[in-house]
């Protein structure tokens, strides 16, 4: 799959996973807003999200670097192929989740629970968040919240075999989540209603899943 298609897939996963993002992160967003500075709410909100996206980019780069080890030698070709197949399967599962047809990707959220339990106390110690520096740190910690969608895209970052592509893939995913997490009030309700529309979810989910199907077909034909 071309890098551009992978970035589009990641962006769609973040954008159309908006309802899941609001459910997972809505409580954290509300807590941060209540504890944050009332004098610079826009700067604080941007700080949270810049920090969160920075964590996604870091995770993507690390995953791509780890995956690149499989491309160092021809003897590791079976590992390369295994990572590729796993990434395409995860794309299909993400697409089916976005279409509302299954929730298998959410099982992955349990994998990151141990790390979040260790980071959560550090997040609490940053309150009250009364400056941009604290907002960036809080957002950076927030980025490690266990999330099945994040982990699914990380598998694709791993299979990319490139720190740069892995980082870009996670950045695209993070940018896709921004409209839901930045929107407030009426706009948020309209976004949620649109993302919950059956045909919208089905079309976006099947589009993402089709990337995985095409990837597997290309492997079989190759």
C-alpha atoms as a PDB file:
ATOM      1  CA  UNK A   1       0.000   0.000   0.000  1.00  0.00           C
ATOM      2  CA  UNK A   2       1.302   3.438  -0.944  1.00  0.00           C
ATOM      3  CA  UNK A   3       2.183   5.672   2.041  1.00  0.00           C
ATOM      4  CA  UNK A   4      -0.445   8.221   0.963  1.00  0.00           C
ATOM      5  CA  UNK A   5      -3.189   5.570   1.137  1.00  0.00           C
ATOM      6  CA  UNK A   6      -1.955   4.510   4.579  1.00  0.00           C
ATOM      7  CA  UNK A   7      -2.115   8.100   5.815  1.00  0.00           C
ATOM      8  CA  UNK A   8      -5.646   8.488   4.432  1.00  0.00           C
ATOM      9  CA  UNK A   9      -6.690   5.263   6.157  1.00  0.00           C
ATOM     10  CA  UNK A  10      -5.239   6.457   9.459  1.00  0.00           C
ATOM     11  CA  UNK A  11      -6.948   9.860   9.154  1.00  0.00           C
ATOM     12  CA  UNK A  12     -10.313   8.230   8.415  1.00  0.00           C
ATOM     13  CA  UNK A  13      -9.897   5.877  11.382  1.00  0.00           C
ATOM     14  CA  UNK A  14      -9.331   8.875  13.668  1.00  0.00           C
ATOM     15  CA  UNK A  15     -12.119  10.959  12.149  1.00  0.00           C
ATOM     16  CA  UNK A  16     -14.795   8.284  11.962  1.00  0.00           C
ATOM     17  CA  UNK A  17     -13.820   6.819  15.319  1.00  0.00           C
ATOM     18  CA  UNK A  18     -15.043  10.091  16.819  1.00  0.00           C
ATOM     19  CA  UNK A  19     -17.815   8.559  18.905  1.00  0.00           C
ATOM     20  CA  UNK A  20     -15.332   6.124  20.427  1.00  0.00           C
ATOM     21  CA  UNK A  21     -12.869   8.970  21.059  1.00  0.00           C
ATOM     22  CA  UNK A  22     -15.505  11.017  22.862  1.00  0.00           C
ATOM     23  CA  UNK A  23     -16.436   8.013  24.973  1.00  0.00           C
ATOM     24  CA  UNK A  24     -12.832   7.170  25.846  1.00  0.00           C
ATOM     25  CA  UNK A  25     -11.460  10.691  26.251  1.00  0.00           C
ATOM     26  CA  UNK A  26     -14.526  12.771  27.031  1.00  0.00           C
ATOM     27  CA  UNK A  27     -14.077  12.405  30.780  1.00  0.00           C
ATOM     28  CA  UNK A  28     -10.403  13.359  30.560  1.00  0.00           C
ATOM     29  CA  UNK A  29     -11.209  16.363  28.373  1.00  0.00           C
ATOM     30  CA  UNK A  30     -13.871  17.514  30.852  1.00  0.00           C
ATOM     31  CA  UNK A  31     -11.553  17.068  33.840  1.00  0.00           C
ATOM     32  CA  UNK A  32      -8.743  18.955  32.135  1.00  0.00           C
ATOM     33  CA  UNK A  33     -11.109  21.761  31.147  1.00  0.00           C
ATOM     34  CA  UNK A  34     -12.418  22.132  34.695  1.00  0.00           C
ATOM     35  CA  UNK A  35      -8.922  22.063  36.185  1.00  0.00           C
ATOM     36  CA  UNK A  36      -7.355  24.253  33.519  1.00  0.00           C
ATOM     37  CA  UNK A  37      -6.802  27.976  33.406  1.00  0.00           C
ATOM     38  CA  UNK A  38      -9.933  29.980  32.579  1.00  0.00           C
ATOM     39  CA  UNK A  39      -7.831  32.873  31.317  1.00  0.00           C
ATOM     40  CA  UNK A  40      -6.407  31.052  28.289  1.00  0.00           C
ATOM     41  CA  UNK A  41      -8.773  28.158  27.488  1.00  0.00           C
ATOM     42  CA  UNK A  42      -7.916  28.011  23.774  1.00  0.00           C
ATOM     43  CA  UNK A  43      -4.162  27.863  24.400  1.00  0.00           C
ATOM     44  CA  UNK A  44      -4.642  25.207  27.080  1.00  0.00           C
ATOM     45  CA  UNK A  45      -6.875  23.079  24.801  1.00  0.00           C
ATOM     46  CA  UNK A  46      -4.340  23.335  21.989  1.00  0.00           C
ATOM     47  CA  UNK A  47      -1.571  22.423  24.430  1.00  0.00           C
ATOM     48  CA  UNK A  48      -3.415  19.262  25.462  1.00  0.00           C
ATOM     49  CA  UNK A  49      -3.825  18.156  21.867  1.00  0.00           C
ATOM     50  CA  UNK A  50      -0.307  19.079  20.727  1.00  0.00           C
ATOM     51  CA  UNK A  51       1.004  16.999  23.619  1.00  0.00           C
ATOM     52  CA  UNK A  52      -1.305  14.106  22.734  1.00  0.00           C
ATOM     53  CA  UNK A  53      -0.344  14.154  19.065  1.00  0.00           C
ATOM     54  CA  UNK A  54       3.338  14.320  20.035  1.00  0.00           C
ATOM     55  CA  UNK A  55       2.900  11.067  21.971  1.00  0.00           C
ATOM     56  CA  UNK A  56       1.198   9.467  18.958  1.00  0.00           C
ATOM     57  CA  UNK A  57       4.042  10.558  16.678  1.00  0.00           C
ATOM     58  CA  UNK A  58       6.636   9.230  19.128  1.00  0.00           C
ATOM     59  CA  UNK A  59       4.821   5.893  19.410  1.00  0.00           C
ATOM     60  CA  UNK A  60       4.535   5.668  15.619  1.00  0.00           C
ATOM     61  CA  UNK A  61       8.227   6.389  15.130  1.00  0.00           C
ATOM     62  CA  UNK A  62       9.186   3.768  17.725  1.00  0.00           C
ATOM     63  CA  UNK A  63       6.864   1.199  16.117  1.00  0.00           C
ATOM     64  CA  UNK A  64       8.288   1.956  12.668  1.00  0.00           C
ATOM     65  CA  UNK A  65      11.831   1.674  14.026  1.00  0.00           C
ATOM     66  CA  UNK A  66      11.020  -1.688  15.603  1.00  0.00           C
ATOM     67  CA  UNK A  67       9.432  -2.879  12.372  1.00  0.00           C
ATOM     68  CA  UNK A  68      12.439  -1.735  10.357  1.00  0.00           C
ATOM     69  CA  UNK A  69      14.496  -4.471  12.013  1.00  0.00           C
ATOM     70  CA  UNK A  70      12.525  -6.988   9.941  1.00  0.00           C
ATOM     71  CA  UNK A  71      13.744  -5.312   6.754  1.00  0.00           C
ATOM     72  CA  UNK A  72      17.452  -5.524   7.548  1.00  0.00           C
ATOM     73  CA  UNK A  73      17.948  -8.997   6.152  1.00  0.00           C
ATOM     74  CA  UNK A  74      16.379 -11.164   3.484  1.00  0.00           C
ATOM     75  CA  UNK A  75      16.356 -14.014   5.995  1.00  0.00           C
ATOM     76  CA  UNK A  76      13.650 -12.105   7.884  1.00  0.00           C
ATOM     77  CA  UNK A  77      11.314 -12.056   4.870  1.00  0.00           C
ATOM     78  CA  UNK A  78       8.732 -14.296   6.653  1.00  0.00           C
ATOM     79  CA  UNK A  79       8.609 -11.728   9.480  1.00  0.00           C
ATOM     80  CA  UNK A  80       8.099  -8.916   6.958  1.00  0.00           C
ATOM     81  CA  UNK A  81       5.247 -10.814   5.343  1.00  0.00           C
ATOM     82  CA  UNK A  82       3.743 -11.657   8.730  1.00  0.00           C
ATOM     83  CA  UNK A  83       3.743  -7.990   9.772  1.00  0.00           C
ATOM     84  CA  UNK A  84       2.193  -7.020   6.461  1.00  0.00           C
ATOM     85  CA  UNK A  85      -0.606  -9.581   6.788  1.00  0.00           C
ATOM     86  CA  UNK A  86      -1.247  -8.563  10.400  1.00  0.00           C
ATOM     87  CA  UNK A  87      -1.503  -4.904   9.385  1.00  0.00           C
ATOM     88  CA  UNK A  88      -4.035  -5.690   6.635  1.00  0.00           C
ATOM     89  CA  UNK A  89      -6.126  -7.833   8.996  1.00  0.00           C
ATOM     90  CA  UNK A  90      -6.131  -5.015  11.554  1.00  0.00           C
ATOM     91  CA  UNK A  91      -7.269  -2.584   8.836  1.00  0.00           C
ATOM     92  CA  UNK A  92     -10.191  -4.860   8.040  1.00  0.00           C
ATOM     93  CA  UNK A  93     -11.120  -5.126  11.731  1.00  0.00           C
ATOM     94  CA  UNK A  94     -10.869  -1.346  12.201  1.00  0.00           C
ATOM     95  CA  UNK A  95     -13.096  -0.823   9.163  1.00  0.00           C
ATOM     96  CA  UNK A  96     -15.672  -3.293  10.446  1.00  0.00           C
ATOM     97  CA  UNK A  97     -15.604  -1.554  13.841  1.00  0.00           C
ATOM     98  CA  UNK A  98     -16.127   1.876  12.265  1.00  0.00           C
ATOM     99  CA  UNK A  99     -18.999   0.426  10.219  1.00  0.00           C
ATOM    100  CA  UNK A 100     -20.575  -0.838  13.444  1.00  0.00           C
ATOM    101  CA  UNK A 101     -20.255  -4.504  12.477  1.00  0.00           C
ATOM    102  CA  UNK A 102     -17.956  -5.737  15.285  1.00  0.00           C
ATOM    103  CA  UNK A 103     -15.888  -4.522  18.239  1.00  0.00           C
ATOM    104  CA  UNK A 104     -12.917  -6.876  18.138  1.00  0.00           C
ATOM    105  CA  UNK A 105     -10.347  -4.059  18.016  1.00  0.00           C
ATOM    106  CA  UNK A 106     -11.449  -2.899  21.473  1.00  0.00           C
ATOM    107  CA  UNK A 107      -9.933  -6.053  22.967  1.00  0.00           C
ATOM    108  CA  UNK A 108      -6.532  -4.454  22.360  1.00  0.00           C
ATOM    109  CA  UNK A 109      -7.279  -1.748  24.933  1.00  0.00           C
ATOM    110  CA  UNK A 110      -6.505  -4.206  27.719  1.00  0.00           C
ATOM    111  CA  UNK A 111      -2.918  -4.473  26.472  1.00  0.00           C
ATOM    112  CA  UNK A 112      -2.047  -0.918  27.498  1.00  0.00           C
ATOM    113  CA  UNK A 113      -3.775  -0.936  30.849  1.00  0.00           C
ATOM    114  CA  UNK A 114      -0.626  -1.649  32.844  1.00  0.00           C
ATOM    115  CA  UNK A 115       1.203   1.346  31.352  1.00  0.00           C
ATOM    116  CA  UNK A 116      -1.738   3.720  31.907  1.00  0.00           C
ATOM    117  CA  UNK A 117      -2.009   2.677  35.561  1.00  0.00           C
ATOM    118  CA  UNK A 118       1.567   3.864  36.027  1.00  0.00           C
ATOM    119  CA  UNK A 119       1.145   7.118  34.125  1.00  0.00           C
ATOM    120  CA  UNK A 120      -2.231   8.174  35.526  1.00  0.00           C
ATOM    121  CA  UNK A 121      -0.872   9.341  38.925  1.00  0.00           C
ATOM    122  CA  UNK A 122       1.599  11.622  37.117  1.00  0.00           C
ATOM    123  CA  UNK A 123      -1.307  13.195  35.233  1.00  0.00           C
ATOM    124  CA  UNK A 124      -3.115  13.870  38.482  1.00  0.00           C
ATOM    125  CA  UNK A 125      -0.084  15.638  39.943  1.00  0.00           C
ATOM    126  CA  UNK A 126      -0.177  18.206  37.126  1.00  0.00           C
ATOM    127  CA  UNK A 127      -3.531  19.616  38.297  1.00  0.00           C
ATOM    128  CA  UNK A 128      -4.397  22.444  38.362  1.00  0.00           C
ATOM    129  CA  UNK A 129      -3.218  22.952  34.805  1.00  0.00           C
ATOM    130  CA  UNK A 130      -2.551  26.673  34.830  1.00  0.00           C
ATOM    131  CA  UNK A 131      -0.068  27.084  31.988  1.00  0.00           C
ATOM    132  CA  UNK A 132       0.862  25.896  28.526  1.00  0.00           C
ATOM    133  CA  UNK A 133       3.795  23.819  29.801  1.00  0.00           C
ATOM    134  CA  UNK A 134       1.565  21.766  32.093  1.00  0.00           C
ATOM    135  CA  UNK A 135      -1.008  21.406  29.307  1.00  0.00           C
ATOM    136  CA  UNK A 136       1.631  19.985  26.959  1.00  0.00           C
ATOM    137  CA  UNK A 137       2.815  17.508  29.609  1.00  0.00           C
ATOM    138  CA  UNK A 138      -0.755  16.491  30.459  1.00  0.00           C
ATOM    139  CA  UNK A 139      -1.546  15.994  26.780  1.00  0.00           C
ATOM    140  CA  UNK A 140       1.614  13.950  26.349  1.00  0.00           C
ATOM    141  CA  UNK A 141       0.492  11.613  29.142  1.00  0.00           C
ATOM    142  CA  UNK A 142      -3.058  11.530  27.774  1.00  0.00           C
ATOM    143  CA  UNK A 143      -1.666  10.201  24.490  1.00  0.00           C
ATOM    144  CA  UNK A 144      -0.815   6.907  26.211  1.00  0.00           C
ATOM    145  CA  UNK A 145      -4.418   6.212  27.281  1.00  0.00           C
ATOM    146  CA  UNK A 146      -5.257   2.632  26.197  1.00  0.00           C
ATOM    147  CA  UNK A 147      -7.237   2.769  22.939  1.00  0.00           C
ATOM    148  CA  UNK A 148      -8.007  -0.048  20.539  1.00  0.00           C
ATOM    149  CA  UNK A 149      -8.046   2.290  17.541  1.00  0.00           C
ATOM    150  CA  UNK A 150      -4.640   3.738  18.434  1.00  0.00           C
ATOM    151  CA  UNK A 151      -3.140   0.268  18.805  1.00  0.00           C
ATOM    152  CA  UNK A 152      -4.663  -0.886  15.515  1.00  0.00           C
ATOM    153  CA  UNK A 153      -3.054   1.990  13.611  1.00  0.00           C
ATOM    154  CA  UNK A 154       0.208   1.322  15.474  1.00  0.00           C
ATOM    155  CA  UNK A 155       0.250  -2.156  13.918  1.00  0.00           C
ATOM    156  CA  UNK A 156       0.286  -0.492  10.497  1.00  0.00           C
ATOM    157  CA  UNK A 157       3.049   1.830  11.697  1.00  0.00           C
ATOM    158  CA  UNK A 158       5.002  -1.253  12.793  1.00  0.00           C
ATOM    159  CA  UNK A 159       4.510  -2.912   9.414  1.00  0.00           C
ATOM    160  CA  UNK A 160       5.643   0.218   7.561  1.00  0.00           C
ATOM    161  CA  UNK A 161       9.239  -0.626   8.492  1.00  0.00           C
ATOM    162  CA  UNK A 162      10.099   3.067   8.660  1.00  0.00           C
ATOM    163  CA  UNK A 163      10.236   5.440  11.665  1.00  0.00           C
ATOM    164  CA  UNK A 164       9.273   8.343   9.406  1.00  0.00           C
ATOM    165  CA  UNK A 165       6.268   6.602   7.883  1.00  0.00           C
ATOM    166  CA  UNK A 166       5.210   5.272  11.263  1.00  0.00           C
ATOM    167  CA  UNK A 167       5.319   8.773  12.749  1.00  0.00           C
ATOM    168  CA  UNK A 168       3.379  10.251   9.816  1.00  0.00           C
ATOM    169  CA  UNK A 169       0.749   7.534  10.049  1.00  0.00           C
ATOM    170  CA  UNK A 170       0.112   8.259  13.715  1.00  0.00           C
ATOM    171  CA  UNK A 171       0.102  12.009  13.062  1.00  0.00           C
ATOM    172  CA  UNK A 172      -2.586  11.502  10.404  1.00  0.00           C
ATOM    173  CA  UNK A 173      -4.624   9.460  12.878  1.00  0.00           C
ATOM    174  CA  UNK A 174      -4.234  12.118  15.571  1.00  0.00           C
ATOM    175  CA  UNK A 175      -5.298  14.896  13.202  1.00  0.00           C
ATOM    176  CA  UNK A 176      -8.407  12.892  12.383  1.00  0.00           C
ATOM    177  CA  UNK A 177      -9.397  12.825  16.064  1.00  0.00           C
ATOM    178  CA  UNK A 178      -9.098  16.607  16.511  1.00  0.00           C
ATOM    179  CA  UNK A 179     -12.541  17.718  15.234  1.00  0.00           C
ATOM    180  CA  UNK A 180     -14.324  15.597  17.837  1.00  0.00           C
ATOM    181  CA  UNK A 181     -12.087  16.474  20.768  1.00  0.00           C
ATOM    182  CA  UNK A 182     -11.897  20.202  20.037  1.00  0.00           C
ATOM    183  CA  UNK A 183     -15.587  20.707  19.232  1.00  0.00           C
ATOM    184  CA  UNK A 184     -17.778  21.899  22.073  1.00  0.00           C
ATOM    185  CA  UNK A 185     -21.516  22.345  22.702  1.00  0.00           C
ATOM    186  CA  UNK A 186     -23.760  22.463  19.667  1.00  0.00           C
ATOM    187  CA  UNK A 187     -20.978  21.638  17.238  1.00  0.00           C
ATOM    188  CA  UNK A 188     -20.029  18.516  19.208  1.00  0.00           C
ATOM    189  CA  UNK A 189     -23.631  17.301  19.212  1.00  0.00           C
ATOM    190  CA  UNK A 190     -23.921  17.841  15.465  1.00  0.00           C
ATOM    191  CA  UNK A 191     -20.639  16.002  14.884  1.00  0.00           C
ATOM    192  CA  UNK A 192     -21.745  13.085  17.030  1.00  0.00           C
ATOM    193  CA  UNK A 193     -25.069  12.869  15.207  1.00  0.00           C
ATOM    194  CA  UNK A 194     -23.301  12.895  11.834  1.00  0.00           C
ATOM    195  CA  UNK A 195     -20.725  10.265  12.831  1.00  0.00           C
ATOM    196  CA  UNK A 196     -23.466   8.053  14.250  1.00  0.00           C
ATOM    197  CA  UNK A 197     -25.419   8.104  10.996  1.00  0.00           C
ATOM    198  CA  UNK A 198     -25.624   4.517   9.832  1.00  0.00           C
ATOM    199  CA  UNK A 199     -24.759   5.176   6.184  1.00  0.00           C
ATOM    200  CA  UNK A 200     -21.831   7.465   7.048  1.00  0.00           C
ATOM    201  CA  UNK A 201     -20.321   4.901   9.416  1.00  0.00           C
ATOM    202  CA  UNK A 202     -20.916   2.064   6.969  1.00  0.00           C
ATOM    203  CA  UNK A 203     -19.356   3.901   4.013  1.00  0.00           C
ATOM    204  CA  UNK A 204     -16.284   5.068   5.961  1.00  0.00           C
ATOM    205  CA  UNK A 205     -15.798   1.698   7.656  1.00  0.00           C
ATOM    206  CA  UNK A 206     -16.026  -0.280   4.440  1.00  0.00           C
ATOM    207  CA  UNK A 207     -13.600   2.139   2.791  1.00  0.00           C
ATOM    208  CA  UNK A 208     -11.014   1.518   5.520  1.00  0.00           C
ATOM    209  CA  UNK A 209     -11.647  -2.246   5.412  1.00  0.00           C
ATOM    210  CA  UNK A 210     -11.221  -2.216   1.633  1.00  0.00           C
ATOM    211  CA  UNK A 211      -7.632  -0.989   2.067  1.00  0.00           C
ATOM    212  CA  UNK A 212      -6.905  -4.160   4.032  1.00  0.00           C
ATOM    213  CA  UNK A 213      -8.684  -6.410   1.521  1.00  0.00           C
ATOM    214  CA  UNK A 214      -6.786  -4.856  -1.396  1.00  0.00           C
ATOM    215  CA  UNK A 215      -3.522  -5.234   0.511  1.00  0.00           C
ATOM    216  CA  UNK A 216      -4.137  -8.948   1.039  1.00  0.00           C
ATOM    217  CA  UNK A 217      -5.131  -9.431  -2.608  1.00  0.00           C
ATOM    218  CA  UNK A 218      -1.950  -7.731  -3.769  1.00  0.00           C
ATOM    219  CA  UNK A 219       0.061 -10.093  -1.562  1.00  0.00           C
ATOM    220  CA  UNK A 220      -1.698 -13.173  -2.991  1.00  0.00           C
ATOM    221  CA  UNK A 221      -1.261 -11.998  -6.587  1.00  0.00           C
ATOM    222  CA  UNK A 222       2.363 -11.014  -5.964  1.00  0.00           C
END
